[in-house]
Amino acid sequence: MTNTPQTEASAQNPVASDDRPLVLAIDDNDDFRDMIVELLEPVGFEVKTAANPVKGLELFTQNKDKVKLVILDYYMPQLDGAKTFEWLRKLNPDVKVIICSGAEELRLRQIQAQYKIDGYLHKPFRVQEALQLIRRVTRLPALAVA
């Protein structure tokens, strides 16, 4: 057996990709999706992203038994967050979902209550705030902060 050099990603996170909890981020903003990857991969998550709800639902369908959390923008073209959330719950009633939006916080609380969404993050948010909510919603042990 030959030794293979570690990739940069595996050097930062020694846990194999298959063992890491999978998060799906669905947001039409490229920078936001990139930020979610940069936030979550160093603390032990595998992250898949989708630029629109249709692609997000396709990715979710392919990975629905692995996805531990969906981070979902509420206002998007094609299909809004509420309809996307309804489809996610039809595909897997136990999926954990956090809505992310720049909408007023009162509106986000109303959306969370109306649809029984697991949590919300008001954009922009603090990194620690996001990580605490993700820990609580996924019920995963404390994540290592890089």
Protein backbone atom coordinates (compact mmCIF):
# COMPACT_ATOMS: atom_id res chain seq x y z
CA MET A 1 0.00 0.00 0.00
CA THR A 2 1.36 3.43 -0.93
CA ASN A 3 0.97 6.58 1.08
CA THR A 4 -0.96 9.30 -0.65
CA PRO A 5 -0.50 12.95 0.28
CA GLN A 6 -3.40 14.60 2.06
CA THR A 7 -5.37 17.10 0.07
CA GLU A 8 -5.65 20.60 1.47
CA ALA A 9 -9.27 19.94 2.47
CA SER A 10 -8.47 16.70 4.27
CA ALA A 11 -5.52 18.33 6.02
CA GLN A 12 -7.87 20.97 7.42
CA ASN A 13 -10.52 18.41 8.27
CA PRO A 14 -9.24 14.90 8.98
CA VAL A 15 -12.76 13.39 8.85
CA ALA A 16 -13.53 11.63 5.59
CA SER A 17 -16.09 13.35 3.36
CA ASP A 18 -18.55 10.46 3.73
CA ASP A 19 -18.49 10.84 7.52
CA ARG A 20 -19.12 14.58 7.60
CA PRO A 21 -22.69 15.88 8.04
CA LEU A 22 -24.02 17.24 4.75
CA VAL A 23 -25.46 20.76 4.52
CA LEU A 24 -27.26 21.97 1.41
CA ALA A 25 -27.24 25.75 0.88
CA ILE A 26 -29.83 27.06 -1.59
CA ASP A 27 -29.38 30.75 -2.37
CA ASP A 28 -29.30 32.80 -5.56
CA ASN A 29 -26.36 34.90 -4.30
CA ASP A 30 -22.95 33.48 -5.31
CA ASP A 31 -21.10 35.29 -2.53
CA PHE A 32 -23.48 33.97 0.13
CA ARG A 33 -23.09 30.37 -1.06
CA ASP A 34 -19.31 30.75 -1.05
CA MET A 35 -19.43 32.20 2.46
CA ILE A 36 -21.49 29.24 3.73
CA VAL A 37 -18.90 26.83 2.32
CA GLU A 38 -16.06 28.83 3.91
CA LEU A 39 -17.93 28.92 7.24
CA LEU A 40 -19.00 25.28 7.50
CA GLU A 41 -16.37 23.13 5.81
CA PRO A 42 -13.54 24.05 8.25
CA VAL A 43 -15.75 23.06 11.22
CA GLY A 44 -16.54 19.61 9.88
CA PHE A 45 -19.41 19.84 7.41
CA GLU A 46 -19.60 18.79 3.80
CA VAL A 47 -21.45 21.53 1.90
CA LYS A 48 -23.28 21.34 -1.41
CA THR A 49 -24.73 24.50 -2.92
CA ALA A 50 -27.42 25.39 -5.42
CA ALA A 51 -28.01 28.74 -7.12
CA ASN A 52 -31.77 28.25 -7.39
CA PRO A 53 -34.55 26.21 -5.79
CA VAL A 54 -34.97 23.86 -8.76
CA LYS A 55 -31.31 22.82 -8.65
CA GLY A 56 -31.51 22.71 -4.85
CA LEU A 57 -34.44 20.31 -4.90
CA GLU A 58 -32.61 18.16 -7.45
CA LEU A 59 -29.52 18.00 -5.21
CA PHE A 60 -31.69 17.33 -2.17
CA THR A 61 -33.47 14.46 -3.94
CA GLN A 62 -30.09 12.91 -4.83
CA ASN A 63 -28.86 13.24 -1.23
CA LYS A 64 -32.02 13.29 0.90
CA ASP A 65 -30.86 10.53 3.24
CA LYS A 66 -27.53 12.30 3.88
CA VAL A 67 -28.62 15.93 4.20
CA LYS A 68 -28.60 16.99 7.87
CA LEU A 69 -29.54 20.61 7.21
CA VAL A 70 -30.77 22.89 4.44
CA ILE A 71 -29.91 26.58 4.60
CA LEU A 72 -32.53 28.22 2.42
CA ASP A 73 -32.84 31.78 1.13
CA TYR A 74 -36.43 32.93 1.43
CA TYR A 75 -36.67 35.33 -1.52
CA MET A 76 -35.52 33.73 -4.78
CA PRO A 77 -36.63 33.69 -8.40
CA GLN A 78 -38.50 30.68 -9.82
CA LEU A 79 -39.70 29.31 -6.48
CA ASP A 80 -39.77 31.16 -3.18
CA GLY A 81 -38.48 29.79 0.11
CA ALA A 82 -41.94 28.78 1.34
CA LYS A 83 -42.70 26.60 -1.67
CA THR A 84 -39.17 25.18 -1.68
CA PHE A 85 -39.55 24.36 2.02
CA GLU A 86 -42.86 22.58 1.34
CA TRP A 87 -41.19 20.44 -1.34
CA LEU A 88 -38.26 19.65 0.95
CA ARG A 89 -40.62 18.45 3.68
CA LYS A 90 -42.60 16.34 1.16
CA LEU A 91 -39.34 14.66 0.12
CA ASN A 92 -38.19 14.20 3.74
CA PRO A 93 -40.54 15.25 6.57
CA ASP A 94 -37.65 15.19 9.06
CA VAL A 95 -35.27 17.50 7.19
CA LYS A 96 -33.94 20.39 9.27
CA VAL A 97 -34.22 23.79 7.58
CA ILE A 98 -32.87 27.23 8.46
CA ILE A 99 -34.25 30.18 6.51
CA CYS A 100 -31.75 32.93 5.70
CA SER A 101 -32.93 36.30 4.54
CA GLY A 102 -32.40 40.03 4.76
CA ALA A 103 -36.12 40.46 5.45
CA GLU A 104 -37.14 42.16 8.67
CA GLU A 105 -36.61 39.98 11.72
CA LEU A 106 -40.32 40.14 12.62
CA ARG A 107 -41.15 38.75 9.16
CA LEU A 108 -38.61 35.95 9.61
CA ARG A 109 -40.17 34.99 12.97
CA GLN A 110 -43.60 34.93 11.31
CA ILE A 111 -42.31 32.71 8.49
CA GLN A 112 -40.65 30.37 10.99
CA ALA A 113 -43.87 30.04 13.01
CA GLN A 114 -46.17 29.74 9.99
CA TYR A 115 -44.19 26.96 8.30
CA LYS A 116 -42.68 25.38 11.42
CA ILE A 117 -39.18 26.01 10.12
CA ASP A 118 -36.38 24.96 12.46
CA GLY A 119 -34.67 28.34 12.63
CA TYR A 120 -33.77 31.53 10.83
CA LEU A 121 -30.76 33.73 10.30
CA HIS A 122 -31.13 37.41 9.50
CA LYS A 123 -28.61 38.52 6.85
CA PRO A 124 -26.03 39.74 7.64
CA PHE A 125 -25.35 37.55 10.66
CA ARG A 126 -22.42 36.90 12.97
CA VAL A 127 -20.43 33.69 12.46
CA GLN A 128 -20.89 32.56 16.09
CA GLU A 129 -24.64 33.20 15.85
CA ALA A 130 -24.86 30.99 12.75
CA LEU A 131 -22.72 28.20 14.23
CA GLN A 132 -24.75 28.16 17.47
CA LEU A 133 -28.03 27.92 15.55
CA ILE A 134 -26.67 25.18 13.29
CA ARG A 135 -25.48 23.19 16.33
CA ARG A 136 -28.88 23.56 18.00
CA VAL A 137 -30.92 22.67 14.89
CA THR A 138 -28.79 19.71 13.82
CA ARG A 139 -28.25 18.52 17.42
CA LEU A 140 -24.66 17.75 16.50
CA PRO A 141 -21.91 18.03 19.12
CA ALA A 142 -20.01 21.27 19.35
CA LEU A 143 -18.22 22.07 16.13
CA ALA A 144 -14.53 22.83 16.14
CA VAL A 145 -13.89 26.47 15.32
CA ALA A 146 -11.04 26.83 12.85
